[in-house]
Each structure stands twice: as structure tokens, then as C-alpha cells.
Amino acid sequence: MEGLHRTYRIMISGGGTGGHVYPAISIAQALKTLHSDVEILFVGAKGKMEMKKVPEAGFEIVGLWINGLQRSISLKNLLFPIKLLFSLIKSFQLIRSFRPDVVVGVGGYASGPLLYMATLNKIPTLIQEQNSYAGLTNKWLSKSVSTICVAYEGMDKFFPKDKIVLTGNPVRKDIFQDSTQSKEAYAFFKLNPNKKILLVIGGSLGAKTVNQSILSGLEQLWAADIQLIWQTGVFYHTQIMSEIKTPWDERLRMYDFIKEMQYAYTIADVVVTRAGALSISELMLSAKPSILIPSPNVAEDHQKLNAQKLISGRAALMVPDALADTMLVKTALSLLSDEEQQKELGKNIFSMGRPNAARDIAEKVIELAA
């Protein structure tokens, strides 16, 4: 009987933002579904959100002393070579002690050193690129790794074509819609099922432009009798709370972070969000009409490129960051009052989704381990 069953040992690395952390967790969960006894070790960057979110999801994580190069002149860049050297040594030690069958990278600071050491040690490697414009770490690693899982067509302009597998982006299991949970969702948020609901997502950390645009347009939303579920992000929550005139309107539900996002998606009529790859993938699976405000503060303006893929497919609306203050609430109110456009956007964005992305990537990982 020996040899019929095998315990796989997988290392998963990357993080820094929710756009990297949650896909990594989704891949780990899919691996556990395929092989319940698979052993998984995460490697993240010390001080970043993965050091909290990964243990909350039930997985072990080790932190590297690493950060990215600052694009502006910064004293932090003087420490970068030292941090990189320490991280390479630590990565080598982790690989020697854990002895992984496969090492997976999802982008972000920590994945660079770990994946590089894995390729030097001839360990099978897989990277997952969430965006339509490849990240610096993944571009750097692409020539050495075994397999590259992508979410968009046309990624051969960044990566070797023979390594690319189109899988889509993995999303959290709890995002998947269940039509029976709408009653629970309305009860959870204590909102009226007979009134329109706008969901505003400022990302896990926050989006200043989005928050300020909604804040300045609150009176317009109340005048139209719109209910609002608002995730401000942890950076801006206290400030926004202090700026809202009291007493709070009974139609407002405001949070720094919404853990029960499946409920929010279930009852939202329209969603306002940045155009990060994870947000877009969640919108695809929840089939929600959306207004995207691409962040201008990201590498190579990749959020705008992500959004344009949806705009060209008539699957979302877009408001430029620079015009959000005057256009965002106006555009939201227009879409909330146009049910035909909501149906068209919802149908088109759903058709672009890949609900089995996490499982497909997990199967590729196991193939490499076999």
C-alpha cells in the first residue's frame, strides 16, 4: 500500500496587501480541499497584513525582514540590500528545514527571495499574477519558475508563453453567492429590503479619494433615499467618523473592514471600488454592477488597465480618480436608478469570471509536486 498516498509539502509566499494575501489563502484552502493532510507553510514580510490574516485563516506563517524599493528617494532604500541578503539567507534556511515539494509565489516583497532560492535549489515553482500588467517581482522570477498562472489573456508580453496557464484569480470561499442568504444579509446589516443599497469598498487599508468623494456626496445619497454600506479602510475610519455630522443617518452602515463581505455583496445593488485584481475577481463572481475608480498610486497604472478590460466588455463603469469628487456620487445615483443597465453590467461581468480559479491553481501545484 505504501506509495499510494503521499503528503505534499507546499510553501506559499507573498503579501503586503489584500490583493496578494487573499489569493494566497484561497490557494491554500483549495490545496486542503484536494488533499486534507497537505502541509503548508506561508512566508510573508514582517509587519505586513499577511502576518495577521494568514494565522486567522488557520495557517502557519514565517516573516522575512524585507520591503520593496521605494520609487522616490528614501533612506529606506539604503537598507534594501541588507534586508535582501538577510531574506535570501532566511529563505534558504526555511527551504532546507521545511523541504517543500513546490514553492508558490503570489507577488509581493517576500515572494522574490523565497522563489529565487527555490529555483536555485531546483525545487518546482509556480507564480500567480493577479493583474493585467505584471508585477515587478513576478516579471523578475518568470524566466526561472516552472509554471505561471495568470488572470488575463495576452500575458505573453510579460512572461514566457510556454509557461503560462490562464486560470483567473482565486477569491475567498465566502465570497461565493448563495441566493438563500439575502434574508440573513438584510438582518445582519439591519437594512430595508425595499430600498436601494450602495456598497462602497475602500480596500482593506483604505482609499482617500473614494472616501472623500462619498463623504462630500452623503446629502445627495440621503436625498435619493439610498442605503449605504461603507468600508472606509483602517487608515481612514476614525477620521471619516469624526467628519460625519451627527446624528448618523439610519441608512448608513460604516466599518473599517467588513469581514462578512458575502452578505454585503448579496444585498448590494451597486458596488463602488478600486480596480485592484482581487476586487474585480470578487465582482465577477458576485455578478454585481460596479463603478471602478482606479488608483493612480500603483505601479505602471495597472488598476486602470484592469478596469479598461471590463469597460471594453461593457461589464463595469469607470470614474477617473481625478474626477471622483464631482462624478462618483452622481454616477452611482444614475446607475442605481437604471435597472436595465444594472442587469447588463451584472450579466457581462459574471460571464468574465472564473469560479474554479483556486482549485485549478491548486491542481497545477499538485502536478508539479507529483
Protein backbone atom coordinates (compact mmCIF):
# COMPACT_ATOMS: atom_id res chain seq x y z
CA MET A 1 0.00 0.00 0.00
CA GLU A 2 2.96 2.33 0.52
CA GLY A 3 3.31 4.90 -2.26
CA LEU A 4 -0.42 5.10 -3.00
CA HIS A 5 -0.79 8.07 -0.67
CA ARG A 6 1.58 10.94 -0.21
CA THR A 7 1.70 14.02 1.99
CA TYR A 8 2.61 17.09 -0.04
CA ARG A 9 4.65 19.91 1.47
CA ILE A 10 3.92 23.32 -0.06
CA MET A 11 5.36 26.77 0.70
CA ILE A 12 3.31 29.83 -0.31
CA SER A 13 4.80 33.30 -0.32
CA GLY A 14 3.76 36.89 -0.99
CA GLY A 15 1.63 39.61 0.50
CA GLY A 16 1.75 43.22 1.54
CA THR A 17 -1.84 43.94 0.52
CA GLY A 18 -5.15 42.10 0.47
CA GLY A 19 -4.72 41.72 -3.30
CA HIS A 20 -1.87 39.31 -2.64
CA VAL A 21 -2.82 37.83 0.73
CA TYR A 22 -6.36 36.64 -0.03
CA PRO A 23 -5.46 34.84 -3.29
CA ALA A 24 -2.65 33.08 -1.39
CA ILE A 25 -5.07 31.96 1.32
CA SER A 26 -7.57 30.82 -1.33
CA ILE A 27 -4.91 28.64 -2.99
CA ALA A 28 -4.02 27.13 0.40
CA GLN A 29 -7.69 26.38 1.12
CA ALA A 30 -8.07 24.72 -2.29
CA LEU A 31 -4.98 22.59 -1.63
CA LYS A 32 -6.50 21.48 1.68
CA THR A 33 -9.72 20.56 -0.14
CA LEU A 34 -7.79 18.46 -2.66
CA HIS A 35 -5.53 16.85 -0.02
CA SER A 36 -6.64 17.35 3.57
CA ASP A 37 -3.25 16.34 5.00
CA VAL A 38 -1.15 18.66 2.80
CA GLU A 39 1.41 20.57 4.87
CA ILE A 40 1.51 24.30 4.08
CA LEU A 41 3.91 26.96 5.31
CA PHE A 42 3.40 30.62 4.40
CA VAL A 43 6.28 33.05 4.11
CA GLY A 44 5.43 36.76 4.36
CA ALA A 45 7.02 40.13 5.09
CA LYS A 46 7.35 41.13 8.75
CA GLY A 47 4.95 43.90 9.73
CA LYS A 48 2.64 43.35 6.76
CA MET A 49 -1.01 42.28 6.90
CA GLU A 50 -0.31 38.64 5.97
CA MET A 51 1.33 38.14 9.40
CA LYS A 52 -2.15 38.62 10.90
CA LYS A 53 -4.52 37.39 8.17
CA VAL A 54 -2.81 34.08 7.45
CA PRO A 55 -2.93 32.78 11.07
CA GLU A 56 -6.57 33.95 11.26
CA ALA A 57 -7.24 31.64 8.30
CA GLY A 58 -5.64 28.75 10.19
CA PHE A 59 -2.21 28.54 8.53
CA GLU A 60 1.33 28.89 9.86
CA ILE A 61 3.45 31.82 8.61
CA VAL A 62 7.07 32.89 8.96
CA GLY A 63 8.12 36.52 8.32
CA LEU A 64 11.09 37.80 6.32
CA TRP A 65 12.78 41.14 7.06
CA ILE A 66 12.07 42.62 3.63
CA ASN A 67 10.35 45.52 1.93
CA GLY A 68 10.12 46.86 -1.61
CA LEU A 69 12.31 49.53 -3.15
CA GLN A 70 10.81 52.99 -2.69
CA ARG A 71 10.10 54.71 -6.00
CA SER A 72 11.07 58.09 -4.56
CA ILE A 73 14.42 58.94 -2.96
CA SER A 74 14.27 57.42 0.50
CA LEU A 75 16.62 56.39 3.31
CA LYS A 76 14.73 53.08 3.37
CA ASN A 77 16.41 52.18 0.08
CA LEU A 78 19.81 52.19 1.82
CA LEU A 79 18.65 49.26 3.93
CA PHE A 80 17.24 47.32 0.99
CA PRO A 81 20.44 45.40 0.03
CA ILE A 82 20.96 44.34 3.66
CA LYS A 83 17.33 43.23 4.04
CA LEU A 84 17.51 41.35 0.75
CA LEU A 85 20.64 39.49 1.81
CA PHE A 86 19.11 38.54 5.18
CA SER A 87 15.91 37.42 3.42
CA LEU A 88 17.81 35.24 0.95
CA ILE A 89 19.70 33.54 3.80
CA LYS A 90 16.47 33.06 5.80
CA SER A 91 14.71 31.70 2.70
CA PHE A 92 17.50 29.19 2.13
CA GLN A 93 17.24 28.06 5.77
CA LEU A 94 13.44 27.71 5.54
CA ILE A 95 13.69 25.65 2.36
CA ARG A 96 16.32 23.36 3.92
CA SER A 97 14.24 22.80 7.07
CA PHE A 98 10.73 22.53 5.52
CA ARG A 99 11.82 20.61 2.38
CA PRO A 100 8.92 21.72 0.15
CA ASP A 101 7.75 19.78 -2.90
CA VAL A 102 6.62 23.02 -4.54
CA VAL A 103 7.04 26.73 -3.74
CA VAL A 104 4.25 29.11 -4.78
CA GLY A 105 4.56 32.89 -5.15
CA VAL A 106 1.67 35.33 -5.48
CA GLY A 107 3.67 38.55 -5.83
CA GLY A 108 4.78 40.99 -3.16
CA TYR A 109 8.07 41.56 -1.36
CA ALA A 110 8.56 38.21 0.32
CA SER A 111 7.99 36.05 -2.74
CA GLY A 112 11.13 37.30 -4.50
CA PRO A 113 13.81 35.93 -2.16
CA LEU A 114 11.95 32.68 -1.43
CA LEU A 115 11.16 31.82 -5.06
CA TYR A 116 14.68 32.75 -6.13
CA MET A 117 16.22 30.37 -3.58
CA ALA A 118 13.73 27.66 -4.55
CA THR A 119 14.76 27.87 -8.22
CA LEU A 120 18.45 27.75 -7.25
CA ASN A 121 17.69 24.56 -5.32
CA LYS A 122 15.85 23.04 -8.34
CA ILE A 123 12.51 22.94 -6.48
CA PRO A 124 9.40 23.18 -8.72
CA THR A 125 7.91 26.67 -8.54
CA LEU A 126 4.65 28.35 -9.54
CA ILE A 127 3.80 32.05 -9.56
CA GLN A 128 0.33 33.60 -9.78
CA GLU A 129 -0.11 37.04 -11.35
CA GLN A 130 -3.37 38.78 -10.45
CA ASN A 131 -3.17 41.87 -12.66
CA SER A 132 -3.33 42.58 -16.39
CA TYR A 133 0.06 44.31 -16.01
CA ALA A 134 2.63 42.01 -14.44
CA GLY A 135 4.24 42.98 -11.14
CA LEU A 136 7.98 43.58 -10.87
CA THR A 137 8.70 40.55 -8.66
CA ASN A 138 6.81 38.15 -10.93
CA LYS A 139 8.46 39.55 -14.09
CA TRP A 140 11.86 39.06 -12.46
CA LEU A 141 11.07 35.47 -11.47
CA SER A 142 9.29 34.42 -14.67
CA LYS A 143 12.34 33.10 -16.55
CA SER A 144 13.27 30.74 -13.69
CA VAL A 145 9.94 29.36 -12.41
CA SER A 146 8.17 26.24 -13.67
CA THR A 147 4.60 27.50 -14.19
CA ILE A 148 2.90 30.92 -14.36
CA CYS A 149 -0.85 31.18 -13.61
CA VAL A 150 -2.48 34.36 -14.93
CA ALA A 151 -5.90 36.03 -14.76
CA TYR A 152 -5.92 37.80 -18.13
CA GLU A 153 -5.32 36.96 -21.78
CA GLY A 154 -2.27 38.41 -23.53
CA MET A 155 0.20 37.99 -20.66
CA ASP A 156 2.84 36.55 -23.01
CA LYS A 157 4.08 40.14 -23.43
CA PHE A 158 5.46 39.79 -19.88
CA PHE A 159 6.08 36.06 -19.46
CA PRO A 160 7.40 33.09 -21.47
CA LYS A 161 4.37 31.82 -23.41
CA ASP A 162 5.05 28.12 -22.84
CA LYS A 163 4.83 28.55 -19.03
CA ILE A 164 1.51 30.45 -18.94
CA VAL A 165 -1.76 28.89 -17.74
CA LEU A 166 -4.93 31.02 -17.80
CA THR A 167 -6.71 30.28 -14.51
CA GLY A 168 -8.29 33.55 -13.34
CA ASN A 169 -7.84 34.94 -9.84
CA PRO A 170 -8.62 32.87 -6.75
CA VAL A 171 -11.02 34.54 -4.32
CA ARG A 172 -12.11 33.82 -0.76
CA LYS A 173 -14.55 30.91 -0.48
CA ASP A 174 -17.00 33.05 1.49
CA ILE A 175 -17.48 35.45 -1.45
CA PHE A 176 -19.46 32.90 -3.45
CA GLN A 177 -23.10 33.89 -3.55
CA ASP A 178 -25.90 31.88 -2.01
CA SER A 179 -29.30 33.16 -3.09
CA THR A 180 -30.85 31.89 0.13
CA GLN A 181 -28.76 34.20 2.33
CA SER A 182 -30.33 37.55 1.35
CA LYS A 183 -32.72 37.46 4.32
CA GLU A 184 -29.77 36.84 6.66
CA ALA A 185 -27.80 39.62 4.96
CA TYR A 186 -30.54 42.25 5.39
CA ALA A 187 -30.91 41.19 9.02
CA PHE A 188 -27.14 41.33 9.59
CA PHE A 189 -26.89 44.93 8.36
CA LYS A 190 -30.36 45.89 9.69
CA LEU A 191 -31.29 47.45 6.34
CA ASN A 192 -34.58 47.77 4.46
CA PRO A 193 -35.07 45.26 1.60
CA ASN A 194 -37.32 47.75 -0.19
CA LYS A 195 -34.67 50.46 -0.57
CA LYS A 196 -31.61 50.59 -2.83
CA ILE A 197 -28.21 49.76 -1.32
CA LEU A 198 -24.85 51.19 -2.40
CA LEU A 199 -21.76 49.25 -1.27
CA VAL A 200 -18.52 51.27 -1.12
CA ILE A 201 -15.26 49.37 -0.64
CA GLY A 202 -12.15 51.40 0.08
CA GLY A 203 -9.88 48.35 0.15
CA SER A 204 -8.52 46.73 3.31
CA LEU A 205 -6.36 49.78 4.12
CA GLY A 206 -8.50 52.50 2.57
CA ALA A 207 -8.78 54.79 -0.45
CA LYS A 208 -8.67 58.50 0.34
CA THR A 209 -10.27 59.76 -2.88
CA VAL A 210 -13.12 57.25 -2.68
CA ASN A 211 -13.82 58.06 0.97
CA GLN A 212 -13.72 61.85 0.47
CA SER A 213 -15.98 61.63 -2.60
CA ILE A 214 -18.60 59.62 -0.72
CA LEU A 215 -18.32 61.89 2.32
CA SER A 216 -18.96 65.01 0.22
CA GLY A 217 -21.92 63.33 -1.51
CA LEU A 218 -23.74 61.94 1.53
CA GLU A 219 -26.52 64.53 1.39
CA GLN A 220 -27.24 63.58 -2.24
CA LEU A 221 -27.47 59.90 -1.28
CA TRP A 222 -29.83 60.64 1.62
CA ALA A 223 -31.98 62.87 -0.63
CA ALA A 224 -32.38 59.89 -3.01
CA ASP A 225 -33.20 57.59 -0.05
CA ILE A 226 -30.19 55.34 -0.71
CA GLN A 227 -28.86 52.97 1.96
CA LEU A 228 -25.07 52.85 2.28
CA ILE A 229 -22.71 50.08 3.38
CA TRP A 230 -19.26 51.69 3.58
CA GLN A 231 -15.89 50.06 4.22
CA THR A 232 -13.56 53.00 4.83
CA GLY A 233 -10.36 51.00 5.39
CA VAL A 234 -8.41 51.06 8.63
CA PHE A 235 -6.32 54.16 7.76
CA TYR A 236 -9.30 56.47 7.35
CA HIS A 237 -12.03 55.11 9.60
CA THR A 238 -11.50 57.36 12.65
CA GLN A 239 -11.10 60.48 10.52
CA ILE A 240 -14.25 59.80 8.45
CA MET A 241 -16.29 59.04 11.59
CA SER A 242 -15.27 62.39 13.06
CA GLU A 243 -16.28 64.26 9.90
CA ILE A 244 -19.78 62.80 9.59
CA LYS A 245 -22.42 65.09 11.01
CA THR A 246 -24.27 63.61 13.95
CA PRO A 247 -26.69 62.06 14.43
CA TRP A 248 -25.83 59.37 11.91
CA ASP A 249 -28.45 58.67 9.31
CA GLU A 250 -30.20 55.33 9.98
CA ARG A 251 -29.41 54.28 6.40
CA LEU A 252 -25.62 54.31 6.98
CA ARG A 253 -23.57 51.25 7.95
CA MET A 254 -19.87 52.14 8.22
CA TYR A 255 -16.92 49.85 9.04
CA ASP A 256 -13.13 49.95 8.92
CA PHE A 257 -13.21 46.40 7.49
CA ILE A 258 -16.13 44.14 6.56
CA LYS A 259 -15.34 40.53 7.37
CA GLU A 260 -18.80 39.32 6.28
CA MET A 261 -18.34 40.60 2.73
CA GLN A 262 -20.54 37.83 1.30
CA TYR A 263 -23.53 39.47 3.00
CA ALA A 264 -22.59 42.90 1.65
CA TYR A 265 -22.30 41.62 -1.92
CA THR A 266 -25.57 39.70 -1.62
CA ILE A 267 -27.74 42.76 -0.95
CA ALA A 268 -25.81 45.50 -2.76
CA ASP A 269 -27.49 46.94 -5.86
CA VAL A 270 -24.32 48.75 -6.98
CA VAL A 271 -20.70 48.46 -5.81
CA VAL A 272 -18.09 51.25 -5.80
CA THR A 273 -14.48 50.07 -5.50
CA ARG A 274 -10.88 50.49 -6.60
CA ALA A 275 -9.85 48.38 -9.61
CA GLY A 276 -7.48 46.00 -7.87
CA ALA A 277 -7.36 42.50 -9.31
CA LEU A 278 -8.92 40.90 -6.23
CA SER A 279 -11.82 43.36 -6.13
CA ILE A 280 -12.56 42.77 -9.80
CA SER A 281 -12.47 38.99 -9.38
CA GLU A 282 -14.92 39.21 -6.48
CA LEU A 283 -17.23 41.43 -8.56
CA MET A 284 -17.12 38.86 -11.37
CA LEU A 285 -18.25 36.04 -9.10
CA SER A 286 -20.87 38.13 -7.31
CA ALA A 287 -22.24 39.45 -10.67
CA LYS A 288 -22.57 42.95 -9.29
CA PRO A 289 -22.87 46.14 -11.38
CA SER A 290 -19.95 48.29 -10.36
CA ILE A 291 -18.22 51.64 -10.64
CA LEU A 292 -14.42 51.38 -10.65
CA ILE A 293 -12.09 54.17 -9.53
CA PRO A 294 -8.58 53.00 -10.49
CA SER A 295 -5.91 54.06 -8.04
CA PRO A 296 -3.27 56.33 -9.62
CA ASN A 297 -0.78 55.33 -6.89
CA VAL A 298 0.11 51.87 -8.20
CA ALA A 299 2.94 50.56 -10.37
CA GLU A 300 2.51 51.06 -14.13
CA ASP A 301 -1.05 52.32 -13.57
CA HIS A 302 -2.13 48.66 -13.59
CA GLN A 303 -5.52 49.33 -11.97
CA LYS A 304 -6.53 51.48 -14.95
CA LEU A 305 -5.51 48.64 -17.26
CA ASN A 306 -7.55 46.18 -15.15
CA ALA A 307 -10.59 48.47 -15.36
CA GLN A 308 -10.29 49.01 -19.11
CA LYS A 309 -10.61 45.25 -19.70
CA LEU A 310 -14.06 45.46 -18.07
CA ILE A 311 -15.07 48.73 -19.72
CA SER A 312 -14.35 47.29 -23.18
CA GLY A 313 -16.61 44.34 -22.35
CA ARG A 314 -19.44 46.60 -21.10
CA ALA A 315 -19.01 44.92 -17.72
CA ALA A 316 -18.43 47.96 -15.46
CA LEU A 317 -18.37 51.77 -15.36
CA MET A 318 -15.25 53.77 -14.58
CA VAL A 319 -14.73 57.16 -12.91
CA PRO A 320 -11.16 58.57 -13.03
CA ASP A 321 -9.64 59.26 -9.64
CA ALA A 322 -9.12 62.93 -10.51
CA LEU A 323 -12.84 63.38 -11.28
CA ALA A 324 -14.26 61.26 -8.45
CA ASP A 325 -15.10 64.21 -6.21
CA THR A 326 -17.57 65.61 -8.73
CA MET A 327 -18.58 62.48 -10.69
CA LEU A 328 -18.64 59.48 -8.34
CA VAL A 329 -21.88 60.01 -6.39
CA LYS A 330 -23.63 61.39 -9.49
CA THR A 331 -22.63 58.28 -11.48
CA ALA A 332 -23.70 55.99 -8.62
CA LEU A 333 -27.13 57.61 -8.36
CA SER A 334 -27.60 57.34 -12.13
CA LEU A 335 -26.73 53.62 -12.11
CA LEU A 336 -28.87 52.93 -9.02
CA SER A 337 -31.88 54.33 -10.87
CA ASP A 338 -31.23 52.37 -14.09
CA GLU A 339 -32.14 48.70 -13.53
CA GLU A 340 -31.60 47.74 -17.19
CA GLN A 341 -28.01 48.97 -17.07
CA GLN A 342 -27.51 47.17 -13.75
CA LYS A 343 -28.67 43.89 -15.33
CA GLU A 344 -26.41 44.34 -18.37
CA LEU A 345 -23.31 45.12 -16.29
CA GLY A 346 -24.03 42.26 -13.86
CA LYS A 347 -24.55 39.74 -16.66
CA ASN A 348 -21.42 40.80 -18.56
CA ILE A 349 -19.08 40.86 -15.56
CA PHE A 350 -20.32 37.44 -14.40
CA SER A 351 -19.55 35.95 -17.83
CA MET A 352 -15.89 37.03 -17.39
CA GLY A 353 -15.42 35.23 -14.06
CA ARG A 354 -13.52 32.00 -13.44
CA PRO A 355 -15.07 30.50 -10.30
CA ASN A 356 -12.73 27.47 -10.23
CA ALA A 357 -9.50 29.52 -10.26
CA ALA A 358 -8.26 28.47 -6.80
CA ARG A 359 -8.87 24.77 -7.50
CA ASP A 360 -7.26 24.99 -10.96
CA ILE A 361 -4.14 26.58 -9.48
CA ALA A 362 -4.05 24.02 -6.64
CA GLU A 363 -4.21 21.20 -9.20
CA LYS A 364 -1.26 22.73 -11.07
CA VAL A 365 0.68 22.84 -7.78
CA ILE A 366 -0.01 19.14 -7.16
CA GLU A 367 1.00 18.32 -10.76
CA LEU A 368 4.36 19.97 -10.13
CA ALA A 369 4.77 18.03 -6.86
CA ALA A 370 3.96 14.65 -8.38
